[in-house]
Amino acid sequence: MSSQKGNVSRSRAQKHQNAIAYKNNKYGATAQVKVANSKIHDGLCLHCKGVLEWKVKYSKYKSLTQPRKCVKCFQKTVKDAYHILCKPCSLELEICCKCGKKEDIVVP
């Protein structure tokens, strides 16, 4: 496609198209991939759940090695990666563990 101003029409089809879907365990799953695939994402809103599932699907998910600090109770109780709240605080306040917004929590 040209960078010419106003030239927005394409005269040919897309050059490369994916024939098969990406598999994160194509060449044998490592221990980290197995843990990520078996993880159940609960206590999250629909958007955050989709984000974490995408990360797992395309091998972008990095699990925590040590617990993180919760932003509400300030204790090192956050065991899940990408979360900012611990489970008890999230259940008590009825907010998403990842983004901290008060939205509908998806129950697995």
PDB file of N, CA and C in Angstrom:
ATOM      1  N   MET A   1       0.843  -1.178   0.000  1.00  0.00           N
ATOM      2  CA  MET A   1       0.000   0.000   0.000  1.00  0.00           C
ATOM      3  C   MET A   1       0.888   1.241   0.000  1.00  0.00           C
ATOM      4  N   SER A   2       0.570   2.166  -0.794  1.00  0.00           N
ATOM      5  CA  SER A   2       1.383   3.362  -0.934  1.00  0.00           C
ATOM      6  C   SER A   2       1.182   4.297   0.248  1.00  0.00           C
ATOM      7  N   SER A   3       2.192   5.081   0.522  1.00  0.00           N
ATOM      8  CA  SER A   3       2.070   6.083   1.576  1.00  0.00           C
ATOM      9  C   SER A   3       1.548   7.403   1.012  1.00  0.00           C
ATOM     10  N   GLN A   4       1.117   7.362  -0.237  1.00  0.00           N
ATOM     11  CA  GLN A   4       0.575   8.527  -0.905  1.00  0.00           C
ATOM     12  C   GLN A   4      -0.723   8.964  -0.234  1.00  0.00           C
ATOM     13  N   LYS A   5      -0.909  10.248  -0.043  1.00  0.00           N
ATOM     14  CA  LYS A   5      -2.111  10.756   0.612  1.00  0.00           C
ATOM     15  C   LYS A   5      -3.339  10.491  -0.259  1.00  0.00           C
ATOM     16  N   GLY A   6      -4.351   9.871   0.343  1.00  0.00           N
ATOM     17  CA  GLY A   6      -5.590   9.606  -0.371  1.00  0.00           C
ATOM     18  C   GLY A   6      -5.625   8.270  -1.080  1.00  0.00           C
ATOM     19  N   ASN A   7      -4.495   7.579  -1.194  1.00  0.00           N
ATOM     20  CA  ASN A   7      -4.443   6.293  -1.878  1.00  0.00           C
ATOM     21  C   ASN A   7      -4.733   5.182  -0.868  1.00  0.00           C
ATOM     22  N   VAL A   8      -6.009   4.803  -0.737  1.00  0.00           N
ATOM     23  CA  VAL A   8      -6.396   3.824   0.273  1.00  0.00           C
ATOM     24  C   VAL A   8      -6.912   2.529  -0.329  1.00  0.00           C
ATOM     25  N   SER A   9      -6.936   2.411  -1.645  1.00  0.00           N
ATOM     26  CA  SER A   9      -7.446   1.186  -2.256  1.00  0.00           C
ATOM     27  C   SER A   9      -6.293   0.250  -2.588  1.00  0.00           C
ATOM     28  N   ARG A  10      -6.499  -1.035  -2.331  1.00  0.00           N
ATOM     29  CA  ARG A  10      -5.486  -2.048  -2.615  1.00  0.00           C
ATOM     30  C   ARG A  10      -5.932  -2.830  -3.843  1.00  0.00           C
ATOM     31  N   SER A  11      -4.985  -3.116  -4.723  1.00  0.00           N
ATOM     32  CA  SER A  11      -5.336  -3.769  -5.989  1.00  0.00           C
ATOM     33  C   SER A  11      -5.132  -5.284  -5.950  1.00  0.00           C
ATOM     34  N   ARG A  12      -4.567  -5.825  -4.826  1.00  0.00           N
ATOM     35  CA  ARG A  12      -4.347  -7.271  -4.774  1.00  0.00           C
ATOM     36  C   ARG A  12      -4.792  -7.808  -3.407  1.00  0.00           C
ATOM     37  N   ALA A  13      -4.831  -9.117  -3.288  1.00  0.00           N
ATOM     38  CA  ALA A  13      -5.218  -9.762  -2.037  1.00  0.00           C
ATOM     39  C   ALA A  13      -4.033  -9.776  -1.070  1.00  0.00           C
ATOM     40  N   GLN A  14      -4.308 -10.167   0.154  1.00  0.00           N
ATOM     41  CA  GLN A  14      -3.266 -10.271   1.174  1.00  0.00           C
ATOM     42  C   GLN A  14      -2.224 -11.301   0.756  1.00  0.00           C
ATOM     43  N   LYS A  15      -0.942 -10.964   0.930  1.00  0.00           N
ATOM     44  CA  LYS A  15       0.133 -11.820   0.424  1.00  0.00           C
ATOM     45  C   LYS A  15       0.300 -13.090   1.264  1.00  0.00           C
ATOM     46  N   HIS A  16       0.385 -12.959   2.582  1.00  0.00           N
ATOM     47  CA  HIS A  16       0.598 -14.106   3.460  1.00  0.00           C
ATOM     48  C   HIS A  16      -0.639 -14.338   4.329  1.00  0.00           C
ATOM     49  N   GLN A  17      -1.152 -15.543   4.286  1.00  0.00           N
ATOM     50  CA  GLN A  17      -2.298 -15.892   5.114  1.00  0.00           C
ATOM     51  C   GLN A  17      -1.953 -17.135   5.919  1.00  0.00           C
ATOM     52  N   ASN A  18      -2.327 -17.122   7.200  1.00  0.00           N
ATOM     53  CA  ASN A  18      -2.023 -18.259   8.062  1.00  0.00           C
ATOM     54  C   ASN A  18      -2.901 -19.449   7.707  1.00  0.00           C
ATOM     55  N   ALA A  19      -2.274 -20.567   7.382  1.00  0.00           N
ATOM     56  CA  ALA A  19      -3.007 -21.779   7.020  1.00  0.00           C
ATOM     57  C   ALA A  19      -3.418 -22.563   8.263  1.00  0.00           C
ATOM     58  N   ILE A  20      -2.553 -22.542   9.315  1.00  0.00           N
ATOM     59  CA  ILE A  20      -2.871 -23.267  10.547  1.00  0.00           C
ATOM     60  C   ILE A  20      -2.719 -22.326  11.738  1.00  0.00           C
ATOM     61  N   ALA A  21      -3.438 -22.629  12.808  1.00  0.00           N
ATOM     62  CA  ALA A  21      -3.404 -21.804  14.011  1.00  0.00           C
ATOM     63  C   ALA A  21      -2.130 -22.071  14.809  1.00  0.00           C
ATOM     64  N   TYR A  22      -1.721 -21.089  15.601  1.00  0.00           N
ATOM     65  CA  TYR A  22      -0.534 -21.212  16.447  1.00  0.00           C
ATOM     66  C   TYR A  22      -0.825 -22.162  17.603  1.00  0.00           C
ATOM     67  N   LYS A  23       0.132 -23.035  17.915  1.00  0.00           N
ATOM     68  CA  LYS A  23       0.009 -23.954  19.049  1.00  0.00           C
ATOM     69  C   LYS A  23       1.174 -23.701  19.989  1.00  0.00           C
ATOM     70  N   ASN A  24       0.869 -23.445  21.254  1.00  0.00           N
ATOM     71  CA  ASN A  24       1.953 -23.141  22.190  1.00  0.00           C
ATOM     72  C   ASN A  24       2.670 -24.394  22.688  1.00  0.00           C
ATOM     73  N   ASN A  25       2.140 -25.578  22.395  1.00  0.00           N
ATOM     74  CA  ASN A  25       2.811 -26.817  22.806  1.00  0.00           C
ATOM     75  C   ASN A  25       3.112 -27.708  21.602  1.00  0.00           C
ATOM     76  N   LYS A  26       3.465 -27.099  20.499  1.00  0.00           N
ATOM     77  CA  LYS A  26       3.687 -27.837  19.248  1.00  0.00           C
ATOM     78  C   LYS A  26       4.873 -28.799  19.339  1.00  0.00           C
ATOM     79  N   TYR A  27       5.961 -28.363  19.938  1.00  0.00           N
ATOM     80  CA  TYR A  27       7.163 -29.185  20.021  1.00  0.00           C
ATOM     81  C   TYR A  27       7.352 -29.787  21.412  1.00  0.00           C
ATOM     82  N   GLY A  28       6.270 -30.139  22.072  1.00  0.00           N
ATOM     83  CA  GLY A  28       6.348 -30.693  23.418  1.00  0.00           C
ATOM     84  C   GLY A  28       6.245 -29.578  24.440  1.00  0.00           C
ATOM     85  N   ALA A  29       5.322 -29.714  25.361  1.00  0.00           N
ATOM     86  CA  ALA A  29       5.078 -28.660  26.341  1.00  0.00           C
ATOM     87  C   ALA A  29       6.116 -28.706  27.456  1.00  0.00           C
ATOM     88  N   THR A  30       6.651 -27.557  27.796  1.00  0.00           N
ATOM     89  CA  THR A  30       7.540 -27.456  28.951  1.00  0.00           C
ATOM     90  C   THR A  30       6.671 -27.404  30.218  1.00  0.00           C
ATOM     91  N   ALA A  31       7.309 -27.462  31.360  1.00  0.00           N
ATOM     92  CA  ALA A  31       6.577 -27.426  32.630  1.00  0.00           C
ATOM     93  C   ALA A  31       5.830 -26.106  32.783  1.00  0.00           C
ATOM     94  N   GLN A  32       6.456 -25.008  32.350  1.00  0.00           N
ATOM     95  CA  GLN A  32       5.840 -23.690  32.464  1.00  0.00           C
ATOM     96  C   GLN A  32       4.601 -23.582  31.575  1.00  0.00           C
ATOM     97  N   VAL A  33       4.659 -24.138  30.366  1.00  0.00           N
ATOM     98  CA  VAL A  33       3.514 -24.105  29.456  1.00  0.00           C
ATOM     99  C   VAL A  33       2.373 -24.964  29.993  1.00  0.00           C
ATOM    100  N   LYS A  34       2.710 -26.116  30.573  1.00  0.00           N
ATOM    101  CA  LYS A  34       1.685 -26.984  31.148  1.00  0.00           C
ATOM    102  C   LYS A  34       0.951 -26.304  32.292  1.00  0.00           C
ATOM    103  N   VAL A  35       1.693 -25.606  33.141  1.00  0.00           N
ATOM    104  CA  VAL A  35       1.081 -24.882  34.263  1.00  0.00           C
ATOM    105  C   VAL A  35       0.185 -23.765  33.746  1.00  0.00           C
ATOM    106  N   ALA A  36       0.649 -23.025  32.750  1.00  0.00           N
ATOM    107  CA  ALA A  36      -0.128 -21.920  32.191  1.00  0.00           C
ATOM    108  C   ALA A  36      -1.400 -22.428  31.513  1.00  0.00           C
ATOM    109  N   ASN A  37      -1.316 -23.551  30.792  1.00  0.00           N
ATOM    110  CA  ASN A  37      -2.494 -24.096  30.111  1.00  0.00           C
ATOM    111  C   ASN A  37      -3.536 -24.618  31.095  1.00  0.00           C
ATOM    112  N   SER A  38      -3.092 -25.144  32.238  1.00  0.00           N
ATOM    113  CA  SER A  38      -4.031 -25.712  33.211  1.00  0.00           C
ATOM    114  C   SER A  38      -4.590 -24.672  34.171  1.00  0.00           C
ATOM    115  N   LYS A  39      -4.072 -23.442  34.129  1.00  0.00           N
ATOM    116  CA  LYS A  39      -4.496 -22.389  35.053  1.00  0.00           C
ATOM    117  C   LYS A  39      -5.928 -21.968  34.783  1.00  0.00           C
ATOM    118  N   ILE A  40      -6.704 -21.832  35.871  1.00  0.00           N
ATOM    119  CA  ILE A  40      -8.081 -21.348  35.775  1.00  0.00           C
ATOM    120  C   ILE A  40      -8.093 -19.890  36.211  1.00  0.00           C
ATOM    121  N   HIS A  41      -8.543 -19.012  35.336  1.00  0.00           N
ATOM    122  CA  HIS A  41      -8.564 -17.580  35.624  1.00  0.00           C
ATOM    123  C   HIS A  41      -9.919 -17.220  36.228  1.00  0.00           C
ATOM    124  N   ASP A  42      -9.938 -17.027  37.548  1.00  0.00           N
ATOM    125  CA  ASP A  42     -11.186 -16.649  38.219  1.00  0.00           C
ATOM    126  C   ASP A  42     -10.967 -15.361  38.992  1.00  0.00           C
ATOM    127  N   GLY A  43     -12.060 -14.675  39.327  1.00  0.00           N
ATOM    128  CA  GLY A  43     -11.986 -13.407  40.031  1.00  0.00           C
ATOM    129  C   GLY A  43     -11.665 -12.242  39.110  1.00  0.00           C
ATOM    130  N   LEU A  44     -11.907 -12.422  37.808  1.00  0.00           N
ATOM    131  CA  LEU A  44     -11.581 -11.394  36.819  1.00  0.00           C
ATOM    132  C   LEU A  44     -12.830 -10.936  36.076  1.00  0.00           C
ATOM    133  N   CYS A  45     -12.769  -9.721  35.515  1.00  0.00           N
ATOM    134  CA  CYS A  45     -13.834  -9.263  34.628  1.00  0.00           C
ATOM    135  C   CYS A  45     -13.652  -9.937  33.272  1.00  0.00           C
ATOM    136  N   LEU A  46     -14.605  -9.808  32.409  1.00  0.00           N
ATOM    137  CA  LEU A  46     -14.582 -10.490  31.106  1.00  0.00           C
ATOM    138  C   LEU A  46     -13.397 -10.041  30.262  1.00  0.00           C
ATOM    139  N   HIS A  47     -13.087  -8.745  30.270  1.00  0.00           N
ATOM    140  CA  HIS A  47     -11.983  -8.213  29.470  1.00  0.00           C
ATOM    141  C   HIS A  47     -10.644  -8.770  29.946  1.00  0.00           C
ATOM    142  N   CYS A  48     -10.412  -8.728  31.243  1.00  0.00           N
ATOM    143  CA  CYS A  48      -9.133  -9.199  31.797  1.00  0.00           C
ATOM    144  C   CYS A  48      -8.971 -10.703  31.610  1.00  0.00           C
ATOM    145  N   LYS A  49     -10.069 -11.435  31.708  1.00  0.00           N
ATOM    146  CA  LYS A  49     -10.023 -12.878  31.483  1.00  0.00           C
ATOM    147  C   LYS A  49      -9.592 -13.163  30.043  1.00  0.00           C
ATOM    148  N   GLY A  50     -10.133 -12.415  29.094  1.00  0.00           N
ATOM    149  CA  GLY A  50      -9.755 -12.566  27.691  1.00  0.00           C
ATOM    150  C   GLY A  50      -8.298 -12.230  27.442  1.00  0.00           C
ATOM    151  N   VAL A  51      -7.792 -11.199  28.120  1.00  0.00           N
ATOM    152  CA  VAL A  51      -6.395 -10.791  27.970  1.00  0.00           C
ATOM    153  C   VAL A  51      -5.467 -11.906  28.450  1.00  0.00           C
ATOM    154  N   LEU A  52      -5.754 -12.481  29.625  1.00  0.00           N
ATOM    155  CA  LEU A  52      -4.896 -13.533  30.166  1.00  0.00           C
ATOM    156  C   LEU A  52      -4.986 -14.812  29.344  1.00  0.00           C
ATOM    157  N   GLU A  53      -6.171 -15.132  28.820  1.00  0.00           N
ATOM    158  CA  GLU A  53      -6.303 -16.304  27.964  1.00  0.00           C
ATOM    159  C   GLU A  53      -5.506 -16.123  26.671  1.00  0.00           C
ATOM    160  N   TRP A  54      -5.475 -14.895  26.135  1.00  0.00           N
ATOM    161  CA  TRP A  54      -4.681 -14.617  24.939  1.00  0.00           C
ATOM    162  C   TRP A  54      -3.200 -14.823  25.248  1.00  0.00           C
ATOM    163  N   LYS A  55      -2.745 -14.324  26.401  1.00  0.00           N
ATOM    164  CA  LYS A  55      -1.342 -14.471  26.786  1.00  0.00           C
ATOM    165  C   LYS A  55      -0.952 -15.939  26.898  1.00  0.00           C
ATOM    166  N   VAL A  56      -1.838 -16.765  27.453  1.00  0.00           N
ATOM    167  CA  VAL A  56      -1.561 -18.194  27.578  1.00  0.00           C
ATOM    168  C   VAL A  56      -1.525 -18.834  26.195  1.00  0.00           C
ATOM    169  N   LYS A  57      -2.484 -18.482  25.351  1.00  0.00           N
ATOM    170  CA  LYS A  57      -2.604 -19.104  24.029  1.00  0.00           C
ATOM    171  C   LYS A  57      -1.385 -18.848  23.150  1.00  0.00           C
ATOM    172  N   TYR A  58      -0.816 -17.651  23.229  1.00  0.00           N
ATOM    173  CA  TYR A  58       0.306 -17.289  22.375  1.00  0.00           C
ATOM    174  C   TYR A  58       1.643 -17.250  23.119  1.00  0.00           C
ATOM    175  N   SER A  59       1.757 -17.994  24.206  1.00  0.00           N
ATOM    176  CA  SER A  59       3.006 -18.162  24.977  1.00  0.00           C
ATOM    177  C   SER A  59       3.604 -16.844  25.458  1.00  0.00           C
ATOM    178  N   LYS A  60       2.777 -15.915  25.861  1.00  0.00           N
ATOM    179  CA  LYS A  60       3.243 -14.636  26.402  1.00  0.00           C
ATOM    180  C   LYS A  60       3.079 -14.580  27.916  1.00  0.00           C
ATOM    181  N   TYR A  61       2.419 -15.576  28.508  1.00  0.00           N
ATOM    182  CA  TYR A  61       2.122 -15.599  29.942  1.00  0.00           C
ATOM    183  C   TYR A  61       3.381 -15.946  30.732  1.00  0.00           C
ATOM    184  N   LYS A  62       3.744 -15.106  31.683  1.00  0.00           N
ATOM    185  CA  LYS A  62       4.885 -15.348  32.561  1.00  0.00           C
ATOM    186  C   LYS A  62       4.354 -15.468  33.984  1.00  0.00           C
ATOM    187  N   SER A  63       4.533 -16.617  34.602  1.00  0.00           N
ATOM    188  CA  SER A  63       4.024 -16.822  35.959  1.00  0.00           C
ATOM    189  C   SER A  63       4.933 -16.153  36.985  1.00  0.00           C
ATOM    190  N   LEU A  64       4.385 -15.901  38.164  1.00  0.00           N
ATOM    191  CA  LEU A  64       5.152 -15.276  39.244  1.00  0.00           C
ATOM    192  C   LEU A  64       6.080 -16.290  39.900  1.00  0.00           C
ATOM    193  N   THR A  65       7.229 -15.826  40.348  1.00  0.00           N
ATOM    194  CA  THR A  65       8.138 -16.686  41.094  1.00  0.00           C
ATOM    195  C   THR A  65       7.988 -16.456  42.591  1.00  0.00           C
ATOM    196  N   GLN A  66       7.619 -15.226  42.985  1.00  0.00           N
ATOM    197  CA  GLN A  66       7.399 -14.890  44.388  1.00  0.00           C
ATOM    198  C   GLN A  66       6.094 -14.125  44.500  1.00  0.00           C
ATOM    199  N   PRO A  67       5.403 -14.199  45.659  1.00  0.00           N
ATOM    200  CA  PRO A  67       4.154 -13.457  45.825  1.00  0.00           C
ATOM    201  C   PRO A  67       4.372 -11.944  45.763  1.00  0.00           C
ATOM    202  N   ARG A  68       3.374 -11.245  45.221  1.00  0.00           N
ATOM    203  CA  ARG A  68       3.426  -9.789  45.131  1.00  0.00           C
ATOM    204  C   ARG A  68       2.574  -9.163  46.215  1.00  0.00           C
ATOM    205  N   LYS A  69       2.708  -7.870  46.376  1.00  0.00           N
ATOM    206  CA  LYS A  69       1.976  -7.146  47.409  1.00  0.00           C
ATOM    207  C   LYS A  69       0.620  -6.691  46.876  1.00  0.00           C
ATOM    208  N   CYS A  70      -0.425  -6.924  47.654  1.00  0.00           N
ATOM    209  CA  CYS A  70      -1.788  -6.494  47.313  1.00  0.00           C
ATOM    210  C   CYS A  70      -1.878  -4.981  47.498  1.00  0.00           C
ATOM    211  N   VAL A  71      -2.606  -4.291  46.610  1.00  0.00           N
ATOM    212  CA  VAL A  71      -2.705  -2.836  46.699  1.00  0.00           C
ATOM    213  C   VAL A  71      -3.733  -2.378  47.744  1.00  0.00           C
ATOM    214  N   LYS A  72      -4.553  -3.304  48.253  1.00  0.00           N
ATOM    215  CA  LYS A  72      -5.548  -2.936  49.267  1.00  0.00           C
ATOM    216  C   LYS A  72      -5.079  -3.249  50.687  1.00  0.00           C
ATOM    217  N   CYS A  73      -4.615  -4.480  50.931  1.00  0.00           N
ATOM    218  CA  CYS A  73      -4.221  -4.879  52.284  1.00  0.00           C
ATOM    219  C   CYS A  73      -2.711  -4.787  52.520  1.00  0.00           C
ATOM    220  N   PHE A  74      -1.935  -4.532  51.476  1.00  0.00           N
ATOM    221  CA  PHE A  74      -0.482  -4.363  51.543  1.00  0.00           C
ATOM    222  C   PHE A  74       0.255  -5.581  52.111  1.00  0.00           C
ATOM    223  N   GLN A  75      -0.329  -6.759  51.964  1.00  0.00           N
ATOM    224  CA  GLN A  75       0.327  -8.002  52.366  1.00  0.00           C
ATOM    225  C   GLN A  75       0.827  -8.711  51.111  1.00  0.00           C
ATOM    226  N   LYS A  76       1.858  -9.530  51.251  1.00  0.00           N
ATOM    227  CA  LYS A  76       2.376 -10.288  50.100  1.00  0.00           C
ATOM    228  C   LYS A  76       1.529 -11.541  49.911  1.00  0.00           C
ATOM    229  N   THR A  77       0.331 -11.353  49.368  1.00  0.00           N
ATOM    230  CA  THR A  77      -0.616 -12.453  49.215  1.00  0.00           C
ATOM    231  C   THR A  77      -1.068 -12.680  47.787  1.00  0.00           C
ATOM    232  N   VAL A  78      -0.588 -11.897  46.838  1.00  0.00           N
ATOM    233  CA  VAL A  78      -0.981 -12.051  45.432  1.00  0.00           C
ATOM    234  C   VAL A  78      -0.127 -13.151  44.816  1.00  0.00           C
ATOM    235  N   LYS A  79      -0.752 -14.286  44.502  1.00  0.00           N
ATOM    236  CA  LYS A  79      -0.027 -15.453  43.993  1.00  0.00           C
ATOM    237  C   LYS A  79      -0.093 -15.575  42.467  1.00  0.00           C
ATOM    238  N   ASP A  80      -1.031 -14.881  41.824  1.00  0.00           N
ATOM    239  CA  ASP A  80      -1.232 -15.005  40.382  1.00  0.00           C
ATOM    240  C   ASP A  80      -0.546 -13.862  39.633  1.00  0.00           C
ATOM    241  N   ALA A  81       0.005 -14.171  38.480  1.00  0.00           N
ATOM    242  CA  ALA A  81       0.675 -13.179  37.649  1.00  0.00           C
ATOM    243  C   ALA A  81      -0.336 -12.187  37.083  1.00  0.00           C
ATOM    244  N   TYR A  82       0.092 -10.944  36.915  1.00  0.00           N
ATOM    245  CA  TYR A  82      -0.688  -9.844  36.345  1.00  0.00           C
ATOM    246  C   TYR A  82      -1.829  -9.377  37.251  1.00  0.00           C
ATOM    247  N   HIS A  83      -1.949  -9.897  38.464  1.00  0.00           N
ATOM    248  CA  HIS A  83      -2.999  -9.462  39.389  1.00  0.00           C
ATOM    249  C   HIS A  83      -2.438  -8.398  40.318  1.00  0.00           C
ATOM    250  N   ILE A  84      -3.320  -7.483  40.779  1.00  0.00           N
ATOM    251  CA  ILE A  84      -2.900  -6.456  41.731  1.00  0.00           C
ATOM    252  C   ILE A  84      -3.578  -6.635  43.078  1.00  0.00           C
ATOM    253  N   LEU A  85      -4.618  -7.469  43.127  1.00  0.00           N
ATOM    254  CA  LEU A  85      -5.355  -7.720  44.370  1.00  0.00           C
ATOM    255  C   LEU A  85      -5.300  -9.195  44.734  1.00  0.00           C
ATOM    256  N   CYS A  86      -5.322  -9.469  46.038  1.00  0.00           N
ATOM    257  CA  CYS A  86      -5.404 -10.859  46.484  1.00  0.00           C
ATOM    258  C   CYS A  86      -6.869 -11.313  46.416  1.00  0.00           C
ATOM    259  N   LYS A  87      -7.080 -12.616  46.481  1.00  0.00           N
ATOM    260  CA  LYS A  87      -8.435 -13.173  46.369  1.00  0.00           C
ATOM    261  C   LYS A  87      -9.373 -12.668  47.472  1.00  0.00           C
ATOM    262  N   PRO A  88      -8.947 -12.674  48.761  1.00  0.00           N
ATOM    263  CA  PRO A  88      -9.873 -12.201  49.808  1.00  0.00           C
ATOM    264  C   PRO A  88     -10.323 -10.751  49.626  1.00  0.00           C
ATOM    265  N   CYS A  89      -9.400  -9.864  49.255  1.00  0.00           N
ATOM    266  CA  CYS A  89      -9.761  -8.452  49.031  1.00  0.00           C
ATOM    267  C   CYS A  89     -10.708  -8.318  47.840  1.00  0.00           C
ATOM    268  N   SER A  90     -10.443  -9.082  46.802  1.00  0.00           N
ATOM    269  CA  SER A  90     -11.286  -9.029  45.611  1.00  0.00           C
ATOM    270  C   SER A  90     -12.708  -9.508  45.908  1.00  0.00           C
ATOM    271  N   LEU A  91     -12.824 -10.595  46.670  1.00  0.00           N
ATOM    272  CA  LEU A  91     -14.151 -11.107  47.019  1.00  0.00           C
ATOM    273  C   LEU A  91     -14.889 -10.160  47.943  1.00  0.00           C
ATOM    274  N   GLU A  92     -14.171  -9.571  48.875  1.00  0.00           N
ATOM    275  CA  GLU A  92     -14.785  -8.651  49.832  1.00  0.00           C
ATOM    276  C   GLU A  92     -15.308  -7.388  49.162  1.00  0.00           C
ATOM    277  N   LEU A  93     -14.515  -6.820  48.256  1.00  0.00           N
ATOM    278  CA  LEU A  93     -14.876  -5.566  47.583  1.00  0.00           C
ATOM    279  C   LEU A  93     -15.635  -5.793  46.282  1.00  0.00           C
ATOM    280  N   GLU A  94     -15.693  -7.051  45.802  1.00  0.00           N
ATOM    281  CA  GLU A  94     -16.362  -7.426  44.553  1.00  0.00           C
ATOM    282  C   GLU A  94     -15.813  -6.646  43.358  1.00  0.00           C
ATOM    283  N   ILE A  95     -14.477  -6.652  43.219  1.00  0.00           N
ATOM    284  CA  ILE A  95     -13.826  -5.998  42.092  1.00  0.00           C
ATOM    285  C   ILE A  95     -12.868  -6.980  41.417  1.00  0.00           C
ATOM    286  N   CYS A  96     -12.465  -6.642  40.209  1.00  0.00           N
ATOM    287  CA  CYS A  96     -11.578  -7.494  39.415  1.00  0.00           C
ATOM    288  C   CYS A  96     -10.184  -7.531  40.045  1.00  0.00           C
ATOM    289  N   CYS A  97      -9.576  -8.707  40.073  1.00  0.00           N
ATOM    290  CA  CYS A  97      -8.234  -8.881  40.654  1.00  0.00           C
ATOM    291  C   CYS A  97      -7.142  -8.228  39.817  1.00  0.00           C
ATOM    292  N   LYS A  98      -7.367  -8.080  38.525  1.00  0.00           N
ATOM    293  CA  LYS A  98      -6.319  -7.581  37.633  1.00  0.00           C
ATOM    294  C   LYS A  98      -6.410  -6.071  37.429  1.00  0.00           C
ATOM    295  N   CYS A  99      -7.581  -5.565  37.083  1.00  0.00           N
ATOM    296  CA  CYS A  99      -7.695  -4.132  36.777  1.00  0.00           C
ATOM    297  C   CYS A  99      -8.222  -3.312  37.955  1.00  0.00           C
ATOM    298  N   GLY A 100      -8.885  -3.962  38.911  1.00  0.00           N
ATOM    299  CA  GLY A 100      -9.393  -3.251  40.083  1.00  0.00           C
ATOM    300  C   GLY A 100     -10.680  -2.488  39.833  1.00  0.00           C
ATOM    301  N   LYS A 101     -11.346  -2.743  38.711  1.00  0.00           N
ATOM    302  CA  LYS A 101     -12.610  -2.062  38.408  1.00  0.00           C
ATOM    303  C   LYS A 101     -13.784  -2.862  38.934  1.00  0.00           C
ATOM    304  N   LYS A 102     -14.846  -2.165  39.276  1.00  0.00           N
ATOM    305  CA  LYS A 102     -16.037  -2.823  39.808  1.00  0.00           C
ATOM    306  C   LYS A 102     -16.938  -3.214  38.636  1.00  0.00           C
ATOM    307  N   GLU A 103     -16.658  -4.373  38.048  1.00  0.00           N
ATOM    308  CA  GLU A 103     -17.428  -4.877  36.919  1.00  0.00           C
ATOM    309  C   GLU A 103     -17.914  -6.281  37.255  1.00  0.00           C
ATOM    310  N   ASP A 104     -18.699  -6.866  36.355  1.00  0.00           N
ATOM    311  CA  ASP A 104     -19.201  -8.225  36.564  1.00  0.00           C
ATOM    312  C   ASP A 104     -18.036  -9.201  36.569  1.00  0.00           C
ATOM    313  N   ILE A 105     -17.916  -9.953  37.651  1.00  0.00           N
ATOM    314  CA  ILE A 105     -16.848 -10.936  37.785  1.00  0.00           C
ATOM    315  C   ILE A 105     -17.290 -12.228  37.127  1.00  0.00           C
ATOM    316  N   VAL A 106     -16.430 -12.788  36.276  1.00  0.00           N
ATOM    317  CA  VAL A 106     -16.745 -14.026  35.567  1.00  0.00           C
ATOM    318  C   VAL A 106     -16.471 -15.196  36.484  1.00  0.00           C
ATOM    319  N   VAL A 107     -17.462 -16.065  36.646  1.00  0.00           N
ATOM    320  CA  VAL A 107     -17.301 -17.266  37.467  1.00  0.00           C
ATOM    321  C   VAL A 107     -16.962 -18.424  36.526  1.00  0.00           C
ATOM    322  N   PRO A 108     -15.850 -19.144  36.781  1.00  0.00           N
ATOM    323  CA  PRO A 108     -15.475 -20.233  35.866  1.00  0.00           C
ATOM    324  C   PRO A 108     -16.446 -21.396  35.924  1.00  0.00           C
TER     325      PRO A 108
END
